[in-house]
């Protein structure tokens, strides 16, 4: 059975169109004929399969990042702290789509997934500098403050140049560019929010973990004292 319903012309997102059909004409037909089975094919089905595939690979990507960071930092808590940059990037991604009036589509999801391995770089850099200052004898608080202060310019310039490089595509008005603009919105606003928030959130979180003796420094100190 082919179902044709009244679709709001202002709705361009496929998922919104499907939701309209489910709430409207499809719901009426199923109410009269409960034995019928309704399925959406074509672009709707392929879009759902793509979304599921993206989320599955995203989970594997996060697991890979966690394993690499666990080996590097010799801790299970510090990698989680470093990966905090990813949900912070999600804040910017959602805000960017809201401000610019874009729907969350598959290109948006691809852009956010691409951020997973990018935004953690600033976090790794900050944690490395904090550990460096701790090794020099500074307190955890002073190490976190100095690391954020010293790396602010480098992190800010890197983020600014990345965003500047993507602005031409974001401001392009051609139809060809509009397909990729949700991806660019995810990257641009995700990187911006993650960078700004991580400079303040990560040092504070590191100090909190250190207070609870959950950083690798305390584990190494305990191992050294037991060895004596």
N, C-alpha and C. Protein backbone atom coordinates (compact mmCIF):
# COMPACT_ATOMS: atom_id res chain seq x y z
N UNK A 1 0.86 -1.18 0.00
CA UNK A 1 0.00 0.00 0.00
C UNK A 1 0.89 1.23 0.00
N UNK A 2 0.66 2.14 -0.90
CA UNK A 2 1.39 3.40 -0.94
C UNK A 2 0.55 4.46 -0.26
N UNK A 3 1.12 5.09 0.75
CA UNK A 3 0.39 6.09 1.53
C UNK A 3 0.88 7.47 1.16
N UNK A 4 -0.02 8.36 0.82
CA UNK A 4 0.32 9.74 0.49
C UNK A 4 -0.44 10.63 1.45
N UNK A 5 0.29 11.44 2.20
CA UNK A 5 -0.36 12.31 3.17
C UNK A 5 0.01 13.76 2.94
N UNK A 6 -0.61 14.64 3.71
CA UNK A 6 -0.30 16.06 3.62
C UNK A 6 0.94 16.35 4.43
N UNK A 7 1.99 16.83 3.76
CA UNK A 7 3.26 17.10 4.41
C UNK A 7 3.47 18.60 4.49
N UNK A 8 3.89 19.06 5.65
CA UNK A 8 4.22 20.48 5.82
C UNK A 8 5.36 20.85 4.89
N UNK A 9 5.19 21.80 3.98
CA UNK A 9 6.25 22.14 3.03
C UNK A 9 7.46 22.77 3.69
N UNK A 10 7.31 23.25 4.93
CA UNK A 10 8.44 23.87 5.62
C UNK A 10 9.37 22.84 6.25
N UNK A 11 8.95 21.58 6.27
CA UNK A 11 9.76 20.52 6.87
C UNK A 11 10.57 19.83 5.79
N UNK A 12 11.90 19.94 5.89
CA UNK A 12 12.76 19.36 4.87
C UNK A 12 13.46 18.10 5.35
N UNK A 13 13.44 17.88 6.66
CA UNK A 13 14.13 16.72 7.21
C UNK A 13 13.32 15.46 7.01
N UNK A 14 13.97 14.41 6.52
CA UNK A 14 13.25 13.16 6.22
C UNK A 14 12.60 12.58 7.46
N UNK A 15 13.31 12.62 8.59
CA UNK A 15 12.76 12.04 9.82
C UNK A 15 11.52 12.78 10.26
N UNK A 16 11.49 14.10 10.09
CA UNK A 16 10.31 14.88 10.46
C UNK A 16 9.12 14.51 9.56
N UNK A 17 9.40 14.28 8.28
CA UNK A 17 8.34 13.87 7.36
C UNK A 17 7.76 12.53 7.78
N UNK A 18 8.65 11.59 8.14
CA UNK A 18 8.19 10.27 8.60
C UNK A 18 7.35 10.40 9.86
N UNK A 19 7.79 11.25 10.78
CA UNK A 19 7.03 11.44 12.02
C UNK A 19 5.65 12.01 11.74
N UNK A 20 5.57 12.93 10.76
CA UNK A 20 4.27 13.49 10.39
C UNK A 20 3.34 12.41 9.84
N UNK A 21 3.90 11.55 8.99
CA UNK A 21 3.10 10.47 8.43
C UNK A 21 2.62 9.51 9.52
N UNK A 22 3.51 9.19 10.46
CA UNK A 22 3.13 8.26 11.53
C UNK A 22 2.03 8.83 12.41
N UNK A 23 2.14 10.13 12.68
CA UNK A 23 1.13 10.75 13.53
C UNK A 23 -0.18 11.02 12.78
N UNK A 24 -0.10 11.13 11.47
CA UNK A 24 -1.27 11.49 10.68
C UNK A 24 -1.94 10.34 9.99
N UNK A 25 -1.72 10.26 8.68
CA UNK A 25 -2.47 9.32 7.86
C UNK A 25 -2.19 7.87 8.22
N UNK A 26 -0.93 7.53 8.57
CA UNK A 26 -0.59 6.14 8.92
C UNK A 26 -1.31 5.73 10.21
N UNK A 27 -1.35 6.63 11.19
CA UNK A 27 -2.03 6.32 12.45
C UNK A 27 -3.52 6.07 12.20
N UNK A 28 -4.13 6.85 11.31
CA UNK A 28 -5.55 6.66 11.01
C UNK A 28 -5.81 5.30 10.34
N UNK A 29 -4.93 4.94 9.40
CA UNK A 29 -5.10 3.65 8.70
C UNK A 29 -4.94 2.48 9.66
N UNK A 30 -3.91 2.56 10.54
CA UNK A 30 -3.68 1.47 11.49
C UNK A 30 -4.81 1.36 12.50
N UNK A 31 -5.42 2.48 12.83
CA UNK A 31 -6.55 2.44 13.76
C UNK A 31 -7.72 1.69 13.15
N UNK A 32 -7.93 1.84 11.85
CA UNK A 32 -9.03 1.14 11.17
C UNK A 32 -8.66 -0.29 10.80
N UNK A 33 -7.34 -0.54 10.56
CA UNK A 33 -6.89 -1.87 10.14
C UNK A 33 -5.69 -2.30 10.98
N UNK A 34 -5.91 -2.78 12.18
CA UNK A 34 -4.81 -3.12 13.09
C UNK A 34 -3.90 -4.22 12.56
N UNK A 35 -4.38 -5.04 11.62
CA UNK A 35 -3.58 -6.15 11.12
C UNK A 35 -2.54 -5.71 10.10
N UNK A 36 -2.62 -4.49 9.63
CA UNK A 36 -1.66 -4.01 8.64
C UNK A 36 -0.29 -3.77 9.26
N UNK A 37 0.74 -3.96 8.47
CA UNK A 37 2.11 -3.67 8.92
C UNK A 37 2.69 -2.56 8.04
N UNK A 38 3.25 -1.55 8.66
CA UNK A 38 3.76 -0.39 7.94
C UNK A 38 5.28 -0.36 8.06
N UNK A 39 5.95 -0.17 6.94
CA UNK A 39 7.41 -0.03 6.94
C UNK A 39 7.79 1.10 5.99
N UNK A 40 8.86 1.79 6.31
CA UNK A 40 9.35 2.89 5.49
C UNK A 40 10.60 2.42 4.75
N UNK A 41 10.60 2.58 3.44
CA UNK A 41 11.69 2.10 2.62
C UNK A 41 12.45 3.28 1.99
N UNK A 42 13.37 2.96 1.10
CA UNK A 42 14.09 3.98 0.36
C UNK A 42 15.00 4.80 1.24
N UNK A 43 14.94 6.12 1.09
CA UNK A 43 15.83 7.02 1.82
C UNK A 43 15.63 6.93 3.32
N UNK A 44 14.36 6.75 3.74
CA UNK A 44 14.07 6.66 5.18
C UNK A 44 14.76 5.45 5.80
N UNK A 45 14.67 4.29 5.13
CA UNK A 45 15.28 3.08 5.66
C UNK A 45 16.80 3.19 5.64
N UNK A 46 17.34 3.67 4.53
CA UNK A 46 18.79 3.81 4.41
C UNK A 46 19.33 4.80 5.43
N UNK A 47 18.57 5.87 5.67
CA UNK A 47 19.02 6.85 6.66
C UNK A 47 19.08 6.26 8.06
N UNK A 48 18.09 5.46 8.41
CA UNK A 48 18.08 4.81 9.73
C UNK A 48 19.24 3.83 9.87
N UNK A 49 19.50 3.07 8.81
CA UNK A 49 20.61 2.12 8.84
C UNK A 49 21.95 2.84 8.96
N UNK A 50 22.07 3.95 8.25
CA UNK A 50 23.31 4.73 8.33
C UNK A 50 23.52 5.29 9.72
N UNK A 51 22.45 5.81 10.32
CA UNK A 51 22.56 6.36 11.68
C UNK A 51 23.00 5.30 12.67
N UNK A 52 22.40 4.11 12.56
CA UNK A 52 22.78 3.02 13.46
C UNK A 52 24.23 2.62 13.26
N UNK A 53 24.68 2.59 12.01
CA UNK A 53 26.07 2.23 11.72
C UNK A 53 27.03 3.27 12.27
N UNK A 54 26.67 4.55 12.14
CA UNK A 54 27.52 5.62 12.65
C UNK A 54 27.68 5.51 14.17
N UNK A 55 26.58 5.26 14.87
CA UNK A 55 26.65 5.16 16.32
C UNK A 55 27.46 3.95 16.75
N UNK A 56 27.36 2.86 15.99
CA UNK A 56 28.12 1.66 16.33
C UNK A 56 29.61 1.91 16.18
N UNK A 57 30.01 2.50 15.08
CA UNK A 57 31.43 2.80 14.88
C UNK A 57 31.92 3.86 15.86
N UNK A 58 31.03 4.76 16.27
CA UNK A 58 31.39 5.79 17.24
C UNK A 58 31.76 5.15 18.58
N UNK A 59 30.99 4.16 18.98
CA UNK A 59 31.28 3.45 20.23
C UNK A 59 32.64 2.75 20.15
N UNK A 60 32.92 2.10 19.03
CA UNK A 60 34.22 1.45 18.85
C UNK A 60 35.35 2.48 18.86
N UNK A 61 35.09 3.63 18.25
CA UNK A 61 36.10 4.68 18.26
C UNK A 61 36.40 5.18 19.65
N UNK A 62 35.35 5.37 20.47
CA UNK A 62 35.56 5.79 21.85
C UNK A 62 36.35 4.76 22.64
N UNK A 63 36.04 3.49 22.40
CA UNK A 63 36.76 2.42 23.09
C UNK A 63 38.24 2.44 22.70
N UNK A 64 38.52 2.66 21.41
CA UNK A 64 39.91 2.74 20.97
C UNK A 64 40.65 3.90 21.60
N UNK A 65 40.00 5.07 21.67
CA UNK A 65 40.61 6.24 22.31
C UNK A 65 40.88 5.97 23.77
N UNK A 66 39.93 5.32 24.45
CA UNK A 66 40.09 5.03 25.88
C UNK A 66 41.27 4.09 26.11
N UNK A 67 41.40 3.07 25.29
CA UNK A 67 42.50 2.11 25.46
C UNK A 67 43.85 2.79 25.26
N UNK A 68 43.96 3.61 24.22
CA UNK A 68 45.22 4.31 23.94
C UNK A 68 45.59 5.23 25.09
N UNK A 69 44.61 5.99 25.59
CA UNK A 69 44.89 6.92 26.69
C UNK A 69 45.19 6.18 27.99
N UNK A 70 44.55 5.03 28.21
CA UNK A 70 44.83 4.26 29.42
C UNK A 70 46.27 3.78 29.45
N UNK A 71 46.77 3.35 28.29
CA UNK A 71 48.17 2.92 28.20
C UNK A 71 49.10 4.09 28.40
N UNK A 72 48.73 5.24 27.83
CA UNK A 72 49.60 6.42 27.91
C UNK A 72 49.68 6.97 29.33
N UNK A 73 48.54 7.10 29.99
CA UNK A 73 48.50 7.74 31.31
C UNK A 73 48.58 6.75 32.47
N UNK A 74 48.51 5.45 32.17
CA UNK A 74 48.57 4.41 33.20
C UNK A 74 47.50 4.63 34.27
N UNK A 75 46.31 4.95 33.81
CA UNK A 75 45.20 5.23 34.72
C UNK A 75 43.90 4.96 33.97
N UNK A 76 42.85 4.62 34.74
CA UNK A 76 41.54 4.42 34.13
C UNK A 76 40.64 5.64 34.31
N UNK A 77 41.00 6.53 35.22
CA UNK A 77 40.19 7.71 35.46
C UNK A 77 40.63 8.89 34.61
N UNK A 78 41.92 9.05 34.40
CA UNK A 78 42.40 10.18 33.61
C UNK A 78 41.94 10.11 32.15
N UNK A 79 41.89 8.94 31.50
CA UNK A 79 41.33 8.91 30.14
C UNK A 79 39.88 9.38 30.08
N UNK A 80 39.08 9.02 31.09
CA UNK A 80 37.69 9.49 31.11
C UNK A 80 37.66 11.01 31.23
N UNK A 81 38.56 11.56 32.04
CA UNK A 81 38.64 13.01 32.20
C UNK A 81 39.03 13.67 30.88
N UNK A 82 39.99 13.09 30.17
CA UNK A 82 40.42 13.64 28.89
C UNK A 82 39.29 13.57 27.86
N UNK A 83 38.55 12.47 27.88
CA UNK A 83 37.46 12.28 26.92
C UNK A 83 36.24 13.12 27.26
N UNK A 84 36.31 13.87 28.37
CA UNK A 84 35.23 14.81 28.69
C UNK A 84 35.07 15.85 27.59
N UNK A 85 36.13 16.06 26.81
CA UNK A 85 36.06 17.03 25.71
C UNK A 85 35.00 16.65 24.69
N UNK A 86 34.67 15.38 24.59
CA UNK A 86 33.70 14.93 23.57
C UNK A 86 32.29 15.39 23.91
N UNK A 87 31.76 15.15 25.13
CA UNK A 87 30.43 15.71 25.42
C UNK A 87 30.42 17.24 25.45
N UNK A 88 31.55 17.86 25.77
CA UNK A 88 31.62 19.32 25.70
C UNK A 88 31.50 19.79 24.26
N UNK A 89 32.04 19.01 23.34
CA UNK A 89 31.89 19.32 21.91
C UNK A 89 30.45 19.14 21.47
N UNK A 90 29.75 18.18 22.06
CA UNK A 90 28.34 17.96 21.72
C UNK A 90 27.49 19.18 22.06
N UNK A 91 27.85 19.86 23.14
CA UNK A 91 27.13 21.08 23.51
C UNK A 91 27.21 22.10 22.38
N UNK A 92 28.40 22.31 21.86
CA UNK A 92 28.57 23.26 20.76
C UNK A 92 27.88 22.81 19.49
N UNK A 93 27.91 21.51 19.23
CA UNK A 93 27.27 20.98 18.03
C UNK A 93 25.77 21.23 18.05
N UNK A 94 25.13 20.93 19.16
CA UNK A 94 23.69 21.15 19.27
C UNK A 94 23.36 22.64 19.24
N UNK A 95 24.17 23.45 19.92
CA UNK A 95 23.92 24.89 19.94
C UNK A 95 24.09 25.49 18.55
N UNK A 96 25.09 25.03 17.81
CA UNK A 96 25.32 25.54 16.47
C UNK A 96 24.15 25.23 15.54
N UNK A 97 23.63 24.01 15.61
CA UNK A 97 22.47 23.66 14.78
C UNK A 97 21.25 24.48 15.16
N UNK A 98 21.11 24.75 16.45
CA UNK A 98 19.97 25.53 16.91
C UNK A 98 20.07 26.98 16.44
N UNK A 99 21.25 27.57 16.56
CA UNK A 99 21.43 28.98 16.20
C UNK A 99 21.30 29.21 14.70
N UNK A 100 21.82 28.28 13.91
CA UNK A 100 21.81 28.45 12.45
C UNK A 100 20.60 27.83 11.78
N UNK A 101 19.75 27.16 12.55
CA UNK A 101 18.52 26.62 12.00
C UNK A 101 18.68 25.34 11.21
N UNK A 102 19.72 24.56 11.50
CA UNK A 102 19.93 23.28 10.81
C UNK A 102 19.31 22.15 11.60
N UNK A 103 18.81 21.14 10.90
CA UNK A 103 18.33 19.92 11.55
C UNK A 103 19.51 18.98 11.79
N UNK A 104 19.37 18.11 12.80
CA UNK A 104 20.38 17.10 13.05
C UNK A 104 20.20 15.98 12.02
N UNK A 105 21.13 15.86 11.11
CA UNK A 105 21.06 14.87 10.05
C UNK A 105 22.28 13.95 10.12
N UNK A 106 22.35 13.01 9.17
CA UNK A 106 23.50 12.10 9.14
C UNK A 106 24.83 12.84 8.96
N UNK A 107 24.92 13.84 8.07
CA UNK A 107 26.18 14.61 8.02
C UNK A 107 26.53 15.28 9.34
N UNK A 108 25.52 15.71 10.10
CA UNK A 108 25.77 16.28 11.42
C UNK A 108 26.41 15.24 12.34
N UNK A 109 25.87 14.03 12.31
CA UNK A 109 26.40 12.95 13.14
C UNK A 109 27.82 12.58 12.71
N UNK A 110 28.06 12.56 11.40
CA UNK A 110 29.41 12.25 10.91
C UNK A 110 30.39 13.31 11.39
N UNK A 111 29.97 14.57 11.35
CA UNK A 111 30.84 15.64 11.84
C UNK A 111 31.16 15.50 13.31
N UNK A 112 30.15 15.15 14.12
CA UNK A 112 30.39 14.99 15.55
C UNK A 112 31.28 13.80 15.84
N UNK A 113 31.05 12.69 15.13
CA UNK A 113 31.90 11.51 15.32
C UNK A 113 33.34 11.84 14.97
N UNK A 114 33.54 12.66 13.95
CA UNK A 114 34.89 13.04 13.56
C UNK A 114 35.59 13.85 14.65
N UNK A 115 34.79 14.51 15.49
CA UNK A 115 35.36 15.32 16.56
C UNK A 115 35.99 14.48 17.67
N UNK A 116 35.55 13.22 17.78
CA UNK A 116 35.99 12.40 18.91
C UNK A 116 37.50 12.30 19.00
N UNK A 117 38.17 12.17 17.87
CA UNK A 117 39.62 12.05 17.90
C UNK A 117 40.35 13.38 17.80
N UNK A 118 39.59 14.46 17.58
CA UNK A 118 40.21 15.78 17.40
C UNK A 118 40.24 16.57 18.70
N UNK A 119 39.07 16.65 19.36
CA UNK A 119 38.96 17.53 20.53
C UNK A 119 39.73 17.01 21.73
N UNK A 120 40.07 15.71 21.76
CA UNK A 120 40.83 15.20 22.91
C UNK A 120 42.28 15.65 22.87
N UNK A 121 42.73 16.18 21.73
CA UNK A 121 44.14 16.59 21.62
C UNK A 121 44.47 17.70 22.61
N UNK A 122 43.56 18.69 22.73
CA UNK A 122 43.80 19.78 23.69
C UNK A 122 43.83 19.24 25.12
N UNK A 123 42.95 18.28 25.41
CA UNK A 123 42.92 17.71 26.75
C UNK A 123 44.22 16.96 27.06
N UNK A 124 44.71 16.19 26.09
CA UNK A 124 45.96 15.46 26.28
C UNK A 124 47.10 16.44 26.54
N UNK A 125 47.11 17.53 25.79
CA UNK A 125 48.17 18.53 25.96
C UNK A 125 48.14 19.15 27.35
N UNK A 126 46.95 19.48 27.82
CA UNK A 126 46.83 20.08 29.15
C UNK A 126 47.26 19.12 30.25
N UNK A 127 46.79 17.87 30.15
CA UNK A 127 47.14 16.89 31.18
C UNK A 127 48.64 16.64 31.18
N UNK A 128 49.26 16.60 30.01
CA UNK A 128 50.70 16.39 29.92
C UNK A 128 51.46 17.52 30.60
N UNK A 129 51.02 18.75 30.40
CA UNK A 129 51.68 19.89 31.03
C UNK A 129 51.44 19.92 32.53
N UNK A 130 50.26 19.50 32.96
CA UNK A 130 50.00 19.43 34.40
C UNK A 130 50.96 18.43 35.05
N UNK A 131 51.11 17.28 34.43
CA UNK A 131 52.02 16.27 34.96
C UNK A 131 53.46 16.76 34.95
N UNK A 132 53.82 17.50 33.92
CA UNK A 132 55.17 18.05 33.83
C UNK A 132 55.45 18.98 35.00
N UNK A 133 54.51 19.86 35.31
CA UNK A 133 54.70 20.79 36.43
C UNK A 133 54.70 20.06 37.77
N UNK A 134 53.89 19.02 37.88
CA UNK A 134 53.90 18.24 39.11
C UNK A 134 55.26 17.57 39.32
N UNK A 135 55.84 17.09 38.23
CA UNK A 135 57.16 16.46 38.31
C UNK A 135 58.23 17.46 38.73
N UNK A 136 57.98 18.74 38.45
CA UNK A 136 58.93 19.79 38.83
C UNK A 136 58.75 20.23 40.27
N UNK A 137 57.75 19.67 40.96
CA UNK A 137 57.56 19.97 42.38
C UNK A 137 56.41 20.89 42.69
N UNK A 138 55.67 21.34 41.69
CA UNK A 138 54.54 22.23 41.94
C UNK A 138 53.38 21.45 42.55
N UNK A 139 52.52 22.17 43.25
CA UNK A 139 51.29 21.56 43.76
C UNK A 139 50.34 21.29 42.60
N UNK A 140 49.35 20.46 42.86
CA UNK A 140 48.41 20.11 41.79
C UNK A 140 47.64 21.34 41.31
N UNK A 141 47.22 22.19 42.25
CA UNK A 141 46.48 23.40 41.88
C UNK A 141 47.33 24.33 41.02
N UNK A 142 48.56 24.58 41.46
CA UNK A 142 49.44 25.47 40.69
C UNK A 142 49.78 24.85 39.33
N UNK A 143 49.95 23.54 39.29
CA UNK A 143 50.26 22.87 38.03
C UNK A 143 49.11 23.03 37.03
N UNK A 144 47.88 22.87 37.52
CA UNK A 144 46.72 23.00 36.64
C UNK A 144 46.56 24.43 36.13
N UNK A 145 46.74 25.39 37.02
CA UNK A 145 46.60 26.79 36.62
C UNK A 145 47.67 27.18 35.61
N UNK A 146 48.92 26.81 35.88
CA UNK A 146 50.01 27.17 34.98
C UNK A 146 49.88 26.47 33.63
N UNK A 147 49.42 25.23 33.63
CA UNK A 147 49.26 24.50 32.37
C UNK A 147 48.20 25.17 31.50
N UNK A 148 47.07 25.56 32.11
CA UNK A 148 46.02 26.24 31.35
C UNK A 148 46.49 27.59 30.83
N UNK A 149 47.26 28.30 31.64
CA UNK A 149 47.75 29.61 31.23
C UNK A 149 48.79 29.49 30.11
N UNK A 150 49.68 28.54 30.23
CA UNK A 150 50.75 28.41 29.24
C UNK A 150 50.25 27.91 27.89
N UNK A 151 49.26 27.04 27.90
CA UNK A 151 48.80 26.45 26.65
C UNK A 151 47.59 27.17 26.06
N UNK A 152 47.12 28.22 26.72
CA UNK A 152 45.93 28.91 26.22
C UNK A 152 46.15 29.47 24.82
N UNK A 153 47.26 30.17 24.60
CA UNK A 153 47.49 30.79 23.29
C UNK A 153 47.60 29.75 22.19
N UNK A 154 48.36 28.68 22.44
CA UNK A 154 48.53 27.65 21.41
C UNK A 154 47.20 26.96 21.08
N UNK A 155 46.43 26.65 22.11
CA UNK A 155 45.13 25.99 21.90
C UNK A 155 44.18 26.93 21.18
N UNK A 156 44.17 28.20 21.58
CA UNK A 156 43.25 29.16 20.97
C UNK A 156 43.59 29.40 19.50
N UNK A 157 44.87 29.54 19.19
CA UNK A 157 45.27 29.79 17.80
C UNK A 157 44.96 28.58 16.92
N UNK A 158 45.21 27.39 17.44
CA UNK A 158 44.91 26.18 16.68
C UNK A 158 43.42 26.08 16.37
N UNK A 159 42.59 26.36 17.36
CA UNK A 159 41.15 26.32 17.16
C UNK A 159 40.69 27.40 16.19
N UNK A 160 41.22 28.61 16.36
CA UNK A 160 40.82 29.73 15.50
C UNK A 160 41.17 29.48 14.04
N UNK A 161 42.35 28.95 13.78
CA UNK A 161 42.74 28.69 12.39
C UNK A 161 41.90 27.57 11.78
N UNK A 162 41.56 26.56 12.59
CA UNK A 162 40.70 25.48 12.10
C UNK A 162 39.32 26.00 11.72
N UNK A 163 38.76 26.83 12.57
CA UNK A 163 37.44 27.40 12.30
C UNK A 163 37.49 28.32 11.09
N UNK A 164 38.55 29.13 11.00
CA UNK A 164 38.69 30.05 9.86
C UNK A 164 38.77 29.28 8.54
N UNK A 165 39.41 28.13 8.57
CA UNK A 165 39.51 27.33 7.35
C UNK A 165 38.20 26.73 6.90
N UNK A 166 37.26 26.54 7.85
CA UNK A 166 35.98 25.95 7.50
C UNK A 166 34.88 26.98 7.25
N UNK A 167 35.15 28.24 7.58
CA UNK A 167 34.13 29.27 7.42
C UNK A 167 33.66 29.45 5.98
N UNK A 168 34.56 29.41 4.97
CA UNK A 168 34.07 29.58 3.59
C UNK A 168 32.99 28.57 3.21
N UNK A 169 33.15 27.33 3.63
CA UNK A 169 32.14 26.32 3.32
C UNK A 169 30.87 26.56 4.12
N UNK A 170 31.03 27.05 5.35
CA UNK A 170 29.86 27.31 6.19
C UNK A 170 29.03 28.47 5.63
N UNK A 171 29.70 29.45 5.03
CA UNK A 171 29.02 30.63 4.50
C UNK A 171 28.60 30.48 3.04
N UNK A 172 28.94 29.36 2.41
CA UNK A 172 28.59 29.14 1.01
C UNK A 172 27.07 28.96 0.88
N UNK A 173 26.50 29.51 -0.19
CA UNK A 173 25.06 29.47 -0.38
C UNK A 173 24.61 28.51 -1.49
N UNK A 174 25.53 27.87 -2.17
CA UNK A 174 25.16 26.96 -3.25
C UNK A 174 24.51 25.70 -2.70
N UNK A 175 23.72 25.03 -3.54
CA UNK A 175 23.03 23.81 -3.11
C UNK A 175 24.02 22.69 -2.81
N UNK A 176 25.11 22.63 -3.57
CA UNK A 176 26.10 21.58 -3.34
C UNK A 176 26.70 21.70 -1.95
N UNK A 177 26.95 22.93 -1.51
CA UNK A 177 27.56 23.14 -0.19
C UNK A 177 26.58 22.86 0.94
N UNK A 178 25.29 23.07 0.69
CA UNK A 178 24.29 22.88 1.74
C UNK A 178 24.22 21.44 2.24
N UNK A 179 24.63 20.51 1.41
CA UNK A 179 24.64 19.11 1.84
C UNK A 179 25.67 18.89 2.94
N UNK A 180 26.80 19.60 2.83
CA UNK A 180 27.89 19.41 3.78
C UNK A 180 27.86 20.38 4.95
N UNK A 181 27.02 21.38 4.88
CA UNK A 181 27.02 22.40 5.93
C UNK A 181 26.67 21.87 7.32
N UNK A 182 25.73 20.93 7.48
CA UNK A 182 25.52 20.37 8.83
C UNK A 182 26.78 19.73 9.40
N UNK A 183 27.58 19.08 8.56
CA UNK A 183 28.85 18.49 9.01
C UNK A 183 29.80 19.59 9.47
N UNK A 184 29.87 20.68 8.70
CA UNK A 184 30.76 21.79 9.05
C UNK A 184 30.29 22.48 10.33
N UNK A 185 28.98 22.59 10.51
CA UNK A 185 28.44 23.19 11.74
C UNK A 185 28.86 22.36 12.95
N UNK A 186 28.77 21.03 12.84
CA UNK A 186 29.18 20.16 13.94
C UNK A 186 30.66 20.35 14.27
N UNK A 187 31.49 20.39 13.24
CA UNK A 187 32.93 20.54 13.46
C UNK A 187 33.26 21.90 14.04
N UNK A 188 32.72 22.96 13.44
CA UNK A 188 33.07 24.32 13.84
C UNK A 188 32.64 24.63 15.26
N UNK A 189 31.37 24.46 15.54
CA UNK A 189 30.86 24.79 16.87
C UNK A 189 31.31 23.78 17.91
N UNK A 190 31.49 22.52 17.52
CA UNK A 190 31.98 21.51 18.45
C UNK A 190 33.39 21.80 18.92
N UNK A 191 34.27 22.13 17.98
CA UNK A 191 35.65 22.45 18.34
C UNK A 191 35.71 23.71 19.19
N UNK A 192 34.91 24.73 18.84
CA UNK A 192 34.93 25.99 19.58
C UNK A 192 34.49 25.80 21.02
N UNK A 193 33.35 25.13 21.22
CA UNK A 193 32.85 24.95 22.59
C UNK A 193 33.76 24.04 23.40
N UNK A 194 34.27 22.99 22.78
CA UNK A 194 35.15 22.07 23.50
C UNK A 194 36.43 22.78 23.94
N UNK A 195 36.99 23.59 23.07
CA UNK A 195 38.24 24.28 23.40
C UNK A 195 38.04 25.26 24.54
N UNK A 196 36.99 26.06 24.46
CA UNK A 196 36.75 27.08 25.49
C UNK A 196 36.43 26.45 26.84
N UNK A 197 35.59 25.40 26.83
CA UNK A 197 35.19 24.79 28.08
C UNK A 197 36.29 23.95 28.70
N UNK A 198 37.07 23.28 27.86
CA UNK A 198 38.08 22.37 28.39
C UNK A 198 39.18 23.12 29.13
N UNK A 199 39.45 24.36 28.72
CA UNK A 199 40.49 25.15 29.39
C UNK A 199 40.11 25.47 30.83
N UNK A 200 38.82 25.46 31.12
CA UNK A 200 38.36 25.76 32.48
C UNK A 200 37.93 24.50 33.23
N UNK A 201 37.28 23.58 32.52
CA UNK A 201 36.71 22.40 33.18
C UNK A 201 37.78 21.37 33.51
N UNK A 202 38.66 21.07 32.55
CA UNK A 202 39.62 19.98 32.75
C UNK A 202 40.59 20.25 33.91
N UNK A 203 41.20 21.44 34.03
CA UNK A 203 42.08 21.67 35.19
C UNK A 203 41.35 21.51 36.51
N UNK A 204 40.11 21.98 36.57
CA UNK A 204 39.33 21.84 37.81
C UNK A 204 39.04 20.38 38.10
N UNK A 205 38.68 19.63 37.06
CA UNK A 205 38.38 18.21 37.26
C UNK A 205 39.63 17.44 37.66
N UNK A 206 40.77 17.81 37.11
CA UNK A 206 42.02 17.12 37.48
C UNK A 206 42.32 17.35 38.96
N UNK A 207 42.10 18.56 39.43
CA UNK A 207 42.33 18.84 40.86
C UNK A 207 41.38 18.03 41.74
N UNK A 208 40.14 17.87 41.29
CA UNK A 208 39.16 17.09 42.05
C UNK A 208 39.59 15.62 42.12
N UNK A 209 40.01 15.07 40.96
CA UNK A 209 40.47 13.68 40.95
C UNK A 209 41.71 13.51 41.83
N UNK A 210 42.56 14.51 41.83
CA UNK A 210 43.77 14.44 42.66
C UNK A 210 43.41 14.47 44.14
N UNK A 211 42.39 15.25 44.50
CA UNK A 211 41.95 15.30 45.89
C UNK A 211 41.46 13.93 46.36
N UNK A 212 40.83 13.19 45.44
CA UNK A 212 40.35 11.85 45.78
C UNK A 212 41.40 10.77 45.50
N UNK A 213 42.62 11.21 45.16
CA UNK A 213 43.75 10.30 44.91
C UNK A 213 43.44 9.29 43.80
N UNK A 214 42.84 9.79 42.72
CA UNK A 214 42.48 8.93 41.60
C UNK A 214 43.36 9.17 40.37
N UNK A 215 44.35 10.03 40.50
CA UNK A 215 45.24 10.29 39.37
C UNK A 215 46.39 9.29 39.38
N UNK A 216 47.07 9.20 38.24
CA UNK A 216 48.17 8.25 38.11
C UNK A 216 49.31 8.59 39.06
N UNK A 217 49.47 9.87 39.39
CA UNK A 217 50.55 10.30 40.27
C UNK A 217 50.46 9.60 41.62
N UNK A 218 49.27 9.50 42.19
CA UNK A 218 49.10 8.85 43.49
C UNK A 218 49.36 7.35 43.38
N UNK A 219 48.95 6.75 42.27
CA UNK A 219 49.20 5.32 42.10
C UNK A 219 50.70 5.03 42.01
N UNK A 220 51.43 5.89 41.32
CA UNK A 220 52.88 5.71 41.21
C UNK A 220 53.57 5.94 42.55
N UNK A 221 53.09 6.94 43.31
CA UNK A 221 53.67 7.22 44.63
C UNK A 221 53.42 6.04 45.57
N UNK A 222 52.22 5.46 45.52
CA UNK A 222 51.93 4.31 46.37
C UNK A 222 52.78 3.10 45.99
N UNK A 223 52.95 2.91 44.68
CA UNK A 223 53.78 1.79 44.23
C UNK A 223 55.24 1.98 44.67
N UNK A 224 55.73 3.23 44.62
CA UNK A 224 57.10 3.51 45.04
C UNK A 224 57.27 3.29 46.54
N UNK A 225 56.27 3.70 47.32
CA UNK A 225 56.38 3.52 48.77
C UNK A 225 56.31 2.05 49.16
N UNK A 226 55.50 1.28 48.45
CA UNK A 226 55.45 -0.15 48.73
C UNK A 226 56.75 -0.86 48.34
N UNK A 227 57.39 -0.37 47.29
CA UNK A 227 58.65 -0.96 46.84
C UNK A 227 59.75 -0.77 47.86
N UNK A 228 59.67 0.35 48.63
CA UNK A 228 60.67 0.58 49.65
C UNK A 228 60.49 -0.37 50.83
